[in-house]
Structures are given as C-alpha cells and as structure tokens.
Amino acid sequence: MAFKKHIPNTITCCNLLSGCAATLAALQHEFLWAFLLIVLGAVFDFFDGFAARLLKVSSPIGKELDSLADDITFGFAPAAVVFSLLQEIVDPANIHASCPLSGIAELEYIPYLAFLIAAFSALRLAKFNIDERQATSFVGLPTPANALFWSSLALSLVKEGIYAQTWLLYVIVPGIFLSCWILVAEIPMFALKFKNFQFKGNILRYVFILCSLPLLVAFRWLGFAVVILFYIMMSVVTNIIGTKVVEEE
C-alpha cells in the first residue's frame, strides 16, 4: 500500500518532535523531561530505520530527514541541557564571594560553549552519511550516545543537589571540548547491530549489554552516563589489544 512509504518518515518526525520538546524542557531547566524526551527520541530513531528495512521503503529523503532529526534530538537538545546547567553554575547567586571566579563578568558567556555540541554533532552526522566504513560499526562516538551522556549527567547532578557547584565548571567545560572531539575522532567503535544472535561474532556486544545492566541499576540516573563511558572504554581497549571493531564490507 502507498501509505507504507510514509511510515518511517513519520517515525523520524516523531524523533524530531521529541528533540524539539526536549530542547524546550532543557531551556526551562526541566532536566528530567529533557532526559526522558531524548530517550524517547532515541527509541523513535531506532524504529524509523527498522521500519524502513522491514517495509523495504528506504529512500534518500528518509536518510536526510533522519540526520536532520538526529541533530535536533541528539545535538541541539543536549547542547541546550548543558547550556542550562552552566547557566545554573555561573548564576551570581550561586557563586560565593570567596570563590576565585566571583566578579568575573565574562562568566555569563561560558554557557554558550555548550552549543559546540550541536555543531560537532552535525559534523558527526554529515561524516556518517558519506563514510562507507560505518555500515556495521561506527567511527567516532554516535550522537545518541553523546546526548544520553550529557542529559543523564545533568539530571543526576540535579537529583543529587550539586548542579550549582562552581567546581563543576572545571569538569563540564573541558568535557564539552572532549566530547566534541570524540564525536569526530577516528576512533572505531562497535555498534549494537546484530546480524544474528549467536554468541560467536557477538561476544563484545553481549559483554557490553550484560555489564551495562548492573551499572544502570547501581548508578540510577547517572547510569546512562556511566554506560556511555564504559562503551567508549570498551571500544578503545578493544582496538588497543588488536581486535577488529570496524568491519570491512
């Protein structure tokens, strides 16, 4: 039926709408809603490609629309999350007079560094679209992983009541630059794409999933950020010891 070809793009648009709502929530300092909406966008992002393959209606416009939606949900939305978090930190009401940073007028501009995440996410997605090596794995950190890291971290800081601590500037600002680099770095990273469910050939994926579950339980809201760090470490270690992660077509 003709309407089948519109199903994947409709799901992709739901991803984009989730990202728009997440951005609005983040700018209103509603970090829980921002996190949940980014997770919802990730669910839609998974099912749009799944639906396109299942219905055999993949199209060039679907690929372009997917990248546009991903940059909103996994680029601009997490950037807005970090922007709002940094706003809380540099708020004069949260900086004690004894703090070395007190009285520095330029502090109010620091939150805008967060939007580098959106720019580098767009670059990451553009590279992905033209890089034939990334059909079955990734080169650089996938944007959904980066978005989940930042939204989970921000939410956990809010839940723990330490989101307005000035010392966080020395962690978050370098973290922004580091995450932007990892997005576009030539670092092979495995993907959770199963050609089959046999243990052989999927050992890395099964180990990651089995180790991630207790991490999510143990660290609660911070769990997603910890899992993403674990994912990066597994990918790096796997390459150091010589295991082939990026599969040649």
Protein backbone atom coordinates (compact mmCIF):
# COMPACT_ATOMS: atom_id res chain seq x y z
CA MET A 1 0.00 0.00 0.00
CA ALA A 2 1.18 3.52 -0.83
CA PHE A 3 0.98 4.80 2.73
CA LYS A 4 3.74 2.35 3.77
CA LYS A 5 6.46 4.59 2.39
CA HIS A 6 5.42 7.37 4.79
CA ILE A 7 5.63 5.27 7.97
CA PRO A 8 9.43 5.52 8.52
CA ASN A 9 9.46 9.27 7.83
CA THR A 10 6.55 9.74 10.23
CA ILE A 11 8.52 7.95 12.93
CA THR A 12 11.55 10.11 12.12
CA CYS A 13 9.41 13.23 12.54
CA CYS A 14 8.35 11.91 15.95
CA ASN A 15 12.06 11.77 16.78
CA LEU A 16 12.45 15.38 15.66
CA LEU A 17 9.42 16.49 17.71
CA SER A 18 10.83 14.71 20.75
CA GLY A 19 14.06 16.65 20.27
CA CYS A 20 12.20 19.95 20.00
CA ALA A 21 10.28 19.21 23.20
CA ALA A 22 13.49 18.10 24.94
CA THR A 23 15.18 21.38 23.95
CA LEU A 24 12.28 23.41 25.33
CA ALA A 25 12.33 21.40 28.56
CA ALA A 26 16.09 21.90 28.90
CA LEU A 27 15.84 25.67 28.42
CA GLN A 28 13.19 25.70 31.15
CA HIS A 29 15.61 23.75 33.39
CA GLU A 30 13.31 20.72 33.38
CA PHE A 31 16.17 18.24 33.21
CA LEU A 32 14.09 15.12 33.90
CA TRP A 33 11.74 15.84 31.00
CA ALA A 34 14.68 16.72 28.76
CA PHE A 35 16.31 13.38 29.54
CA LEU A 36 13.12 11.36 29.05
CA LEU A 37 12.35 13.07 25.75
CA ILE A 38 15.87 12.43 24.46
CA VAL A 39 15.43 8.75 25.39
CA LEU A 40 12.07 8.77 23.58
CA GLY A 41 13.76 10.29 20.54
CA ALA A 42 16.35 7.51 20.63
CA VAL A 43 13.54 4.95 20.60
CA PHE A 44 11.98 6.60 17.54
CA ASP A 45 15.43 6.80 15.94
CA PHE A 46 15.82 3.05 16.28
CA PHE A 47 12.40 2.21 14.91
CA ASP A 48 12.45 4.51 11.87
CA GLY A 49 15.37 2.60 10.35
CA PHE A 50 13.89 -0.70 11.48
CA ALA A 51 10.57 0.16 9.83
CA ALA A 52 12.26 1.27 6.61
CA ARG A 53 14.14 -2.03 6.34
CA LEU A 54 11.14 -4.12 7.33
CA LEU A 55 8.81 -2.43 4.84
CA LYS A 56 11.56 -2.10 2.19
CA VAL A 57 10.82 1.58 1.70
CA SER A 58 14.23 3.13 2.35
CA SER A 59 14.72 6.39 0.45
CA PRO A 60 17.29 9.20 0.07
CA ILE A 61 14.87 11.71 1.61
CA GLY A 62 14.46 9.43 4.62
CA LYS A 63 18.22 9.38 5.15
CA GLU A 64 18.46 13.18 5.01
CA LEU A 65 15.43 13.64 7.26
CA ASP A 66 16.92 11.21 9.76
CA SER A 67 20.13 13.27 10.01
CA LEU A 68 18.18 16.50 10.47
CA ALA A 69 16.07 14.96 13.22
CA ASP A 70 19.13 13.46 14.90
CA ASP A 71 20.93 16.80 15.04
CA ILE A 72 17.93 18.30 16.85
CA THR A 73 17.39 15.44 19.30
CA PHE A 74 20.99 14.37 19.81
CA GLY A 75 22.81 17.60 19.00
CA PHE A 76 20.80 20.69 19.84
CA ALA A 77 18.80 19.19 22.74
CA PRO A 78 21.85 18.01 24.74
CA ALA A 79 23.54 21.33 23.95
CA ALA A 80 20.53 23.08 25.49
CA VAL A 81 20.80 20.77 28.53
CA VAL A 82 24.45 21.69 29.08
CA PHE A 83 23.69 25.37 28.40
CA SER A 84 21.03 25.43 31.13
CA LEU A 85 23.27 23.51 33.53
CA LEU A 86 26.11 26.00 33.00
CA GLN A 87 23.66 28.87 33.49
CA GLU A 88 22.89 27.50 36.93
CA ILE A 89 26.58 27.22 37.76
CA VAL A 90 27.56 30.76 36.68
CA ASP A 91 24.50 32.38 38.23
CA PRO A 92 25.91 35.09 40.55
CA ALA A 93 23.52 33.89 43.26
CA ASN A 94 25.35 30.54 43.28
CA ILE A 95 28.90 31.93 43.37
CA HIS A 96 30.22 32.76 46.82
CA ALA A 97 32.21 35.95 47.31
CA SER A 98 35.24 33.88 48.35
CA CYS A 99 35.24 31.99 45.04
CA PRO A 100 38.11 32.95 42.69
CA LEU A 101 35.58 33.24 39.86
CA SER A 102 33.36 35.76 41.62
CA GLY A 103 33.19 39.16 39.99
CA ILE A 104 34.29 37.92 36.54
CA ALA A 105 31.74 39.40 34.13
CA GLU A 106 32.78 37.09 31.28
CA LEU A 107 31.42 34.08 33.16
CA GLU A 108 27.97 34.76 31.75
CA TYR A 109 29.24 33.82 28.28
CA ILE A 110 30.58 30.39 29.29
CA PRO A 111 27.20 28.59 28.87
CA TYR A 112 27.29 29.34 25.13
CA LEU A 113 30.20 26.93 24.75
CA ALA A 114 27.57 24.20 25.10
CA PHE A 115 26.35 24.82 21.57
CA LEU A 116 29.62 23.44 20.22
CA ILE A 117 27.96 20.09 20.93
CA ALA A 118 25.25 20.86 18.36
CA ALA A 119 27.82 21.96 15.77
CA PHE A 120 30.06 18.92 16.17
CA SER A 121 27.03 16.61 16.25
CA ALA A 122 26.02 17.99 12.84
CA LEU A 123 29.57 17.38 11.58
CA ARG A 124 29.49 13.84 13.00
CA LEU A 125 26.18 13.09 11.24
CA ALA A 126 27.44 14.53 7.93
CA LYS A 127 30.56 12.36 8.13
CA PHE A 128 28.44 9.31 8.92
CA ASN A 129 26.32 9.84 5.80
CA ILE A 130 29.31 9.70 3.46
CA ASP A 131 31.53 7.23 5.34
CA GLU A 132 31.11 3.72 3.91
CA ARG A 133 33.08 2.24 6.83
CA GLN A 134 30.16 2.86 9.19
CA ALA A 135 27.65 0.45 7.72
CA THR A 136 28.05 -2.08 10.54
CA SER A 137 30.00 -0.10 13.14
CA PHE A 138 30.98 3.47 13.97
CA VAL A 139 33.96 5.76 13.68
CA GLY A 140 33.65 8.32 16.46
CA LEU A 141 31.03 8.46 19.19
CA PRO A 142 27.43 8.16 17.89
CA THR A 143 25.35 11.27 18.59
CA PRO A 144 22.63 9.41 20.56
CA ALA A 145 25.31 8.13 22.96
CA ASN A 146 26.68 11.65 23.43
CA ALA A 147 23.17 13.02 24.05
CA LEU A 148 22.38 10.34 26.62
CA PHE A 149 25.67 11.02 28.38
CA TRP A 150 25.05 14.74 28.85
CA SER A 151 21.35 14.52 29.68
CA SER A 152 21.98 11.72 32.19
CA LEU A 153 24.87 13.61 33.80
CA ALA A 154 22.87 16.83 34.12
CA LEU A 155 19.87 15.03 35.58
CA SER A 156 21.98 13.16 38.13
CA LEU A 157 23.66 16.40 39.25
CA VAL A 158 20.24 17.98 39.75
CA LYS A 159 18.91 14.93 41.61
CA GLU A 160 21.95 14.97 43.90
CA GLY A 161 21.57 18.71 44.51
CA ILE A 162 25.10 19.60 43.40
CA TYR A 163 24.28 21.11 40.00
CA ALA A 164 25.18 24.69 41.07
CA GLN A 165 28.67 23.93 42.41
CA THR A 166 31.27 26.24 40.87
CA TRP A 167 33.92 23.50 40.68
CA LEU A 168 31.77 21.77 38.06
CA LEU A 169 32.98 24.37 35.55
CA TYR A 170 36.39 22.70 35.63
CA VAL A 171 34.76 19.40 34.69
CA ILE A 172 31.98 20.36 32.30
CA VAL A 173 33.83 22.87 30.11
CA PRO A 174 36.74 20.51 29.33
CA GLY A 175 34.12 17.77 28.96
CA ILE A 176 32.42 19.76 26.20
CA PHE A 177 35.63 20.00 24.19
CA LEU A 178 36.47 16.36 24.82
CA SER A 179 33.04 15.12 23.73
CA CYS A 180 33.16 17.29 20.59
CA TRP A 181 36.50 15.71 19.70
CA ILE A 182 35.28 12.16 20.37
CA LEU A 183 32.27 12.73 18.10
CA VAL A 184 34.50 13.26 15.06
CA ALA A 185 37.65 11.39 16.10
CA GLU A 186 38.93 8.46 14.02
CA ILE A 187 38.18 6.03 16.83
CA PRO A 188 36.46 2.78 15.73
CA MET A 189 33.52 1.91 17.98
CA PHE A 190 31.35 -1.16 17.91
CA ALA A 191 27.63 -0.95 17.17
CA LEU A 192 24.82 -2.91 18.79
CA LYS A 193 23.75 -4.23 15.41
CA PHE A 194 23.16 -7.97 15.43
CA LYS A 195 23.31 -9.83 12.11
CA ASN A 196 22.37 -12.90 14.15
CA PHE A 197 22.11 -13.70 17.84
CA GLN A 198 24.82 -16.35 18.00
CA PHE A 199 27.43 -15.84 20.72
CA LYS A 200 30.24 -16.23 18.22
CA GLY A 201 30.82 -12.92 16.48
CA ASN A 202 28.75 -11.02 19.06
CA ILE A 203 30.89 -11.56 22.18
CA LEU A 204 31.70 -7.85 22.51
CA ARG A 205 28.06 -6.86 22.24
CA TYR A 206 26.85 -9.42 24.78
CA VAL A 207 29.58 -8.48 27.27
CA PHE A 208 28.64 -4.83 26.93
CA ILE A 209 24.92 -5.47 27.47
CA LEU A 210 25.48 -7.79 30.46
CA CYS A 211 27.84 -5.31 32.12
CA SER A 212 25.60 -2.32 31.39
CA LEU A 213 22.55 -3.66 33.20
CA PRO A 214 24.09 -3.64 36.70
CA LEU A 215 25.65 -0.25 36.01
CA LEU A 216 22.22 1.20 35.22
CA VAL A 217 20.81 -0.26 38.42
CA ALA A 218 23.73 0.81 40.61
CA PHE A 219 24.11 4.38 39.36
CA ARG A 220 20.41 5.11 38.65
CA TRP A 221 20.08 8.41 36.71
CA LEU A 222 23.85 8.64 36.31
CA GLY A 223 23.84 5.10 34.96
CA PHE A 224 23.39 6.12 31.34
CA ALA A 225 26.42 8.44 31.51
CA VAL A 226 28.48 5.67 33.15
CA VAL A 227 27.39 3.17 30.48
CA ILE A 228 28.44 5.56 27.70
CA LEU A 229 31.87 5.98 29.33
CA PHE A 230 32.09 2.19 29.60
CA TYR A 231 31.16 1.90 25.91
CA ILE A 232 33.95 4.30 24.93
CA MET A 233 36.47 2.47 27.12
CA MET A 234 35.48 -0.92 25.69
CA SER A 235 35.87 0.38 22.13
CA VAL A 236 39.27 1.93 22.84
CA VAL A 237 40.60 -1.11 24.72
CA THR A 238 39.30 -3.43 22.01
CA ASN A 239 41.29 -1.52 19.41
CA ILE A 240 44.41 -1.33 21.56
CA ILE A 241 44.53 -5.09 22.02
CA GLY A 242 44.15 -5.55 18.30
CA THR A 243 40.57 -6.80 17.99
CA LYS A 244 38.96 -5.68 14.76
CA VAL A 245 35.96 -3.45 15.52
CA VAL A 246 35.32 -1.70 12.24
CA GLU A 247 34.29 -4.39 9.83
CA GLU A 248 35.30 -4.12 6.20
CA GLU A 249 32.49 -4.56 3.72
